[in-house]
Amino acid sequence: MLSLGDYETLIIAIWGAVLGTLSFVWQVISYVIERRPKIEVSISFGTMDILSALQDVIVLEAVNRGSVKVSFSSLPTFLLSNGTVKEEQQLITRSLFGANFPYDLEPRKNVPLYILMSKLVESLKAKGFSGRIKLTGLFVDALGNRYKSEPLDLDIDYWSEKLKIKESQS
């Protein structure tokens, strides 16, 4: 028969085992969460000095907020939505500049990419887009994980007029 002291020892031992197990599980979960990629993608309007002339650009940027390197094997793409079509269309362009791909994005670093607004609008018009669309930046890493920006409202007709892009160029 166990004495009262033996029961107290057994309860303390069980309590210690439970706490030790919970601590171990917490450390494993924290490690796994810490090692996950944390990529934030943004898209915005900008201007850039190119050959001593200010040019309108779209800036697409990926920021690695995590603690592991993320590899992008190909150029990012744009997803397009004009509000009437439920599906997004993908625009793949070689007109992006700012970094060479494949690209390894180190922890706490960013990679900004640029596309001339004139090239983008010409490409969109050639694909039959006009009016207002939503433009979303998309990076895909080497493992197939997708990282999307919030959509950016883009008025193709406004930019076409501003940049003097003629219908014959599309």
Protein backbone atom coordinates (compact mmCIF):
# COMPACT_ATOMS: atom_id res chain seq x y z
CA MET A 1 0.00 0.00 0.00
CA LEU A 2 1.24 3.46 -0.91
CA SER A 3 1.60 6.08 1.76
CA LEU A 4 0.38 9.66 1.48
CA GLY A 5 3.94 10.81 0.71
CA ASP A 6 4.15 8.27 -2.14
CA TYR A 7 0.93 9.65 -3.68
CA GLU A 8 2.27 13.21 -3.44
CA THR A 9 5.49 12.12 -5.14
CA LEU A 10 3.54 10.32 -7.88
CA ILE A 11 1.33 13.40 -8.53
CA ILE A 12 4.36 15.69 -8.68
CA ALA A 13 6.12 13.26 -11.06
CA ILE A 14 3.07 13.09 -13.35
CA TRP A 15 2.70 16.88 -13.25
CA GLY A 16 6.39 17.29 -14.17
CA ALA A 17 6.05 14.82 -17.05
CA VAL A 18 3.00 16.67 -18.40
CA LEU A 19 4.76 20.06 -18.18
CA GLY A 20 7.90 18.66 -19.79
CA THR A 21 5.87 17.17 -22.65
CA LEU A 22 3.93 20.41 -23.18
CA SER A 23 7.18 22.39 -23.20
CA PHE A 24 8.68 20.04 -25.79
CA VAL A 25 5.57 20.23 -28.02
CA TRP A 26 5.58 24.05 -27.76
CA GLN A 27 9.25 24.19 -28.81
CA VAL A 28 8.60 21.92 -31.82
CA ILE A 29 5.59 23.99 -32.93
CA SER A 30 7.55 27.25 -32.50
CA TYR A 31 10.43 25.85 -34.56
CA VAL A 32 8.12 24.73 -37.37
CA ILE A 33 6.31 28.08 -37.44
CA GLU A 34 9.61 29.98 -37.41
CA ARG A 35 10.96 27.96 -40.35
CA ARG A 36 7.96 28.65 -42.59
CA PRO A 37 8.41 31.19 -45.39
CA LYS A 38 6.82 34.57 -44.67
CA ILE A 39 6.72 36.46 -47.94
CA GLU A 40 4.75 39.69 -48.33
CA VAL A 41 4.09 40.92 -51.86
CA SER A 42 3.06 44.47 -52.73
CA ILE A 43 2.24 46.22 -55.98
CA SER A 44 2.15 49.99 -56.45
CA PHE A 45 2.55 52.85 -58.89
CA GLY A 46 5.90 54.60 -59.06
CA THR A 47 8.27 56.64 -61.17
CA MET A 48 11.84 55.86 -62.10
CA ASP A 49 14.64 57.87 -63.67
CA ILE A 50 15.59 55.99 -66.83
CA LEU A 51 18.16 57.61 -69.10
CA SER A 52 17.57 61.01 -67.47
CA ALA A 53 13.81 60.88 -68.00
CA LEU A 54 11.16 60.10 -65.40
CA GLN A 55 9.13 57.06 -66.45
CA ASP A 56 5.90 55.75 -64.92
CA VAL A 57 6.32 52.20 -63.62
CA ILE A 58 4.53 49.52 -61.68
CA VAL A 59 6.59 48.37 -58.71
CA LEU A 60 6.21 44.73 -57.70
CA GLU A 61 8.05 43.84 -54.50
CA ALA A 62 8.49 40.73 -52.39
CA VAL A 63 9.72 41.07 -48.80
CA ASN A 64 10.98 38.08 -46.82
CA ARG A 65 9.80 38.61 -43.23
CA GLY A 66 10.78 35.09 -42.25
CA SER A 67 14.00 33.48 -41.11
CA VAL A 68 14.59 31.14 -44.07
CA LYS A 69 15.78 31.83 -47.59
CA VAL A 70 13.10 31.50 -50.28
CA SER A 71 14.02 30.63 -53.88
CA PHE A 72 12.04 31.95 -56.81
CA SER A 73 12.80 29.95 -59.93
CA SER A 74 11.03 32.19 -62.44
CA LEU A 75 9.87 35.76 -62.96
CA PRO A 76 6.73 36.76 -61.10
CA THR A 77 3.54 37.18 -63.06
CA PHE A 78 0.46 39.37 -62.92
CA LEU A 79 -3.08 38.19 -62.35
CA LEU A 80 -5.73 40.24 -64.13
CA SER A 81 -9.40 40.64 -63.34
CA ASN A 82 -11.78 43.08 -64.99
CA GLY A 83 -14.70 42.46 -62.66
CA THR A 84 -16.91 40.76 -65.25
CA VAL A 85 -14.85 37.59 -65.57
CA LYS A 86 -14.76 35.52 -62.39
CA GLU A 87 -11.46 33.85 -63.29
CA GLU A 88 -8.21 35.70 -63.11
CA GLN A 89 -6.07 35.70 -66.22
CA GLN A 90 -2.33 35.39 -65.92
CA LEU A 91 -0.04 37.85 -67.69
CA ILE A 92 3.50 36.60 -68.03
CA THR A 93 5.90 39.30 -69.09
CA ARG A 94 9.60 39.44 -69.78
CA SER A 95 9.49 43.24 -69.41
CA LEU A 96 10.14 43.16 -65.65
CA PHE A 97 13.54 44.43 -64.59
CA GLY A 98 15.37 44.90 -61.30
CA ALA A 99 16.66 41.39 -60.54
CA ASN A 100 17.78 38.29 -62.38
CA PHE A 101 15.87 35.04 -61.96
CA PRO A 102 16.20 32.44 -60.50
CA TYR A 103 16.49 34.54 -57.35
CA ASP A 104 17.18 33.61 -53.72
CA LEU A 105 15.43 36.01 -51.34
CA GLU A 106 17.37 36.04 -48.07
CA PRO A 107 15.68 36.56 -44.69
CA ARG A 108 14.75 40.18 -43.91
CA LYS A 109 15.56 41.28 -47.49
CA ASN A 110 13.39 42.46 -50.37
CA VAL A 111 13.42 42.28 -54.14
CA PRO A 112 11.77 45.14 -56.03
CA LEU A 113 10.90 44.63 -59.70
CA TYR A 114 9.71 47.23 -62.16
CA ILE A 115 7.74 47.27 -65.38
CA LEU A 116 7.37 50.35 -67.53
CA MET A 117 3.74 51.44 -67.52
CA SER A 118 3.90 51.89 -71.30
CA LYS A 119 5.00 48.26 -71.82
CA LEU A 120 2.34 46.97 -69.43
CA VAL A 121 -0.48 48.99 -71.01
CA GLU A 122 0.62 47.97 -74.53
CA SER A 123 0.63 44.32 -73.46
CA LEU A 124 -2.78 44.56 -71.81
CA LYS A 125 -4.32 46.32 -74.81
CA ALA A 126 -2.85 43.68 -77.13
CA LYS A 127 -4.66 41.04 -75.05
CA GLY A 128 -7.95 42.90 -75.46
CA PHE A 129 -8.16 44.58 -72.04
CA SER A 130 -9.52 48.08 -71.63
CA GLY A 131 -11.10 50.17 -68.91
CA ARG A 132 -10.50 49.46 -65.24
CA ILE A 133 -8.90 46.19 -64.15
CA LYS A 134 -7.47 44.77 -60.96
CA LEU A 135 -3.80 43.86 -61.21
CA THR A 136 -2.34 41.43 -58.66
CA GLY A 137 1.34 40.51 -58.39
CA LEU A 138 2.16 36.82 -58.00
CA PHE A 139 5.44 35.22 -56.93
CA VAL A 140 5.78 31.42 -56.93
CA ASP A 141 8.66 29.84 -55.06
CA ALA A 142 10.62 26.73 -56.08
CA LEU A 143 8.31 24.57 -53.92
CA GLY A 144 5.18 25.87 -55.66
CA ASN A 145 3.99 28.15 -52.83
CA ARG A 146 2.11 31.17 -54.18
CA TYR A 147 2.49 34.67 -52.73
CA LYS A 148 0.03 37.31 -53.95
CA SER A 149 -0.24 41.05 -53.48
CA GLU A 150 -3.44 42.91 -52.76
CA PRO A 151 -5.05 43.95 -56.08
CA LEU A 152 -4.14 47.31 -57.59
CA ASP A 153 -6.77 49.24 -59.55
CA LEU A 154 -5.43 50.11 -62.99
CA ASP A 155 -7.32 52.18 -65.57
CA ILE A 156 -5.91 51.08 -68.93
CA ASP A 157 -7.74 53.81 -70.87
CA TYR A 158 -6.39 56.56 -68.57
CA TRP A 159 -2.80 55.33 -68.87
CA SER A 160 -3.17 54.75 -72.59
CA GLU A 161 -4.25 58.36 -73.06
CA LYS A 162 -1.61 59.73 -70.66
CA LEU A 163 1.18 57.77 -72.33
CA LYS A 164 -0.18 58.40 -75.87
CA ILE A 165 -0.39 54.70 -76.70
CA LYS A 166 -2.20 54.28 -80.00
CA GLU A 167 -4.55 51.43 -80.89
CA SER A 168 -2.27 50.49 -83.80
CA GLN A 169 0.49 49.56 -81.35
CA SER A 170 -1.64 46.89 -79.73
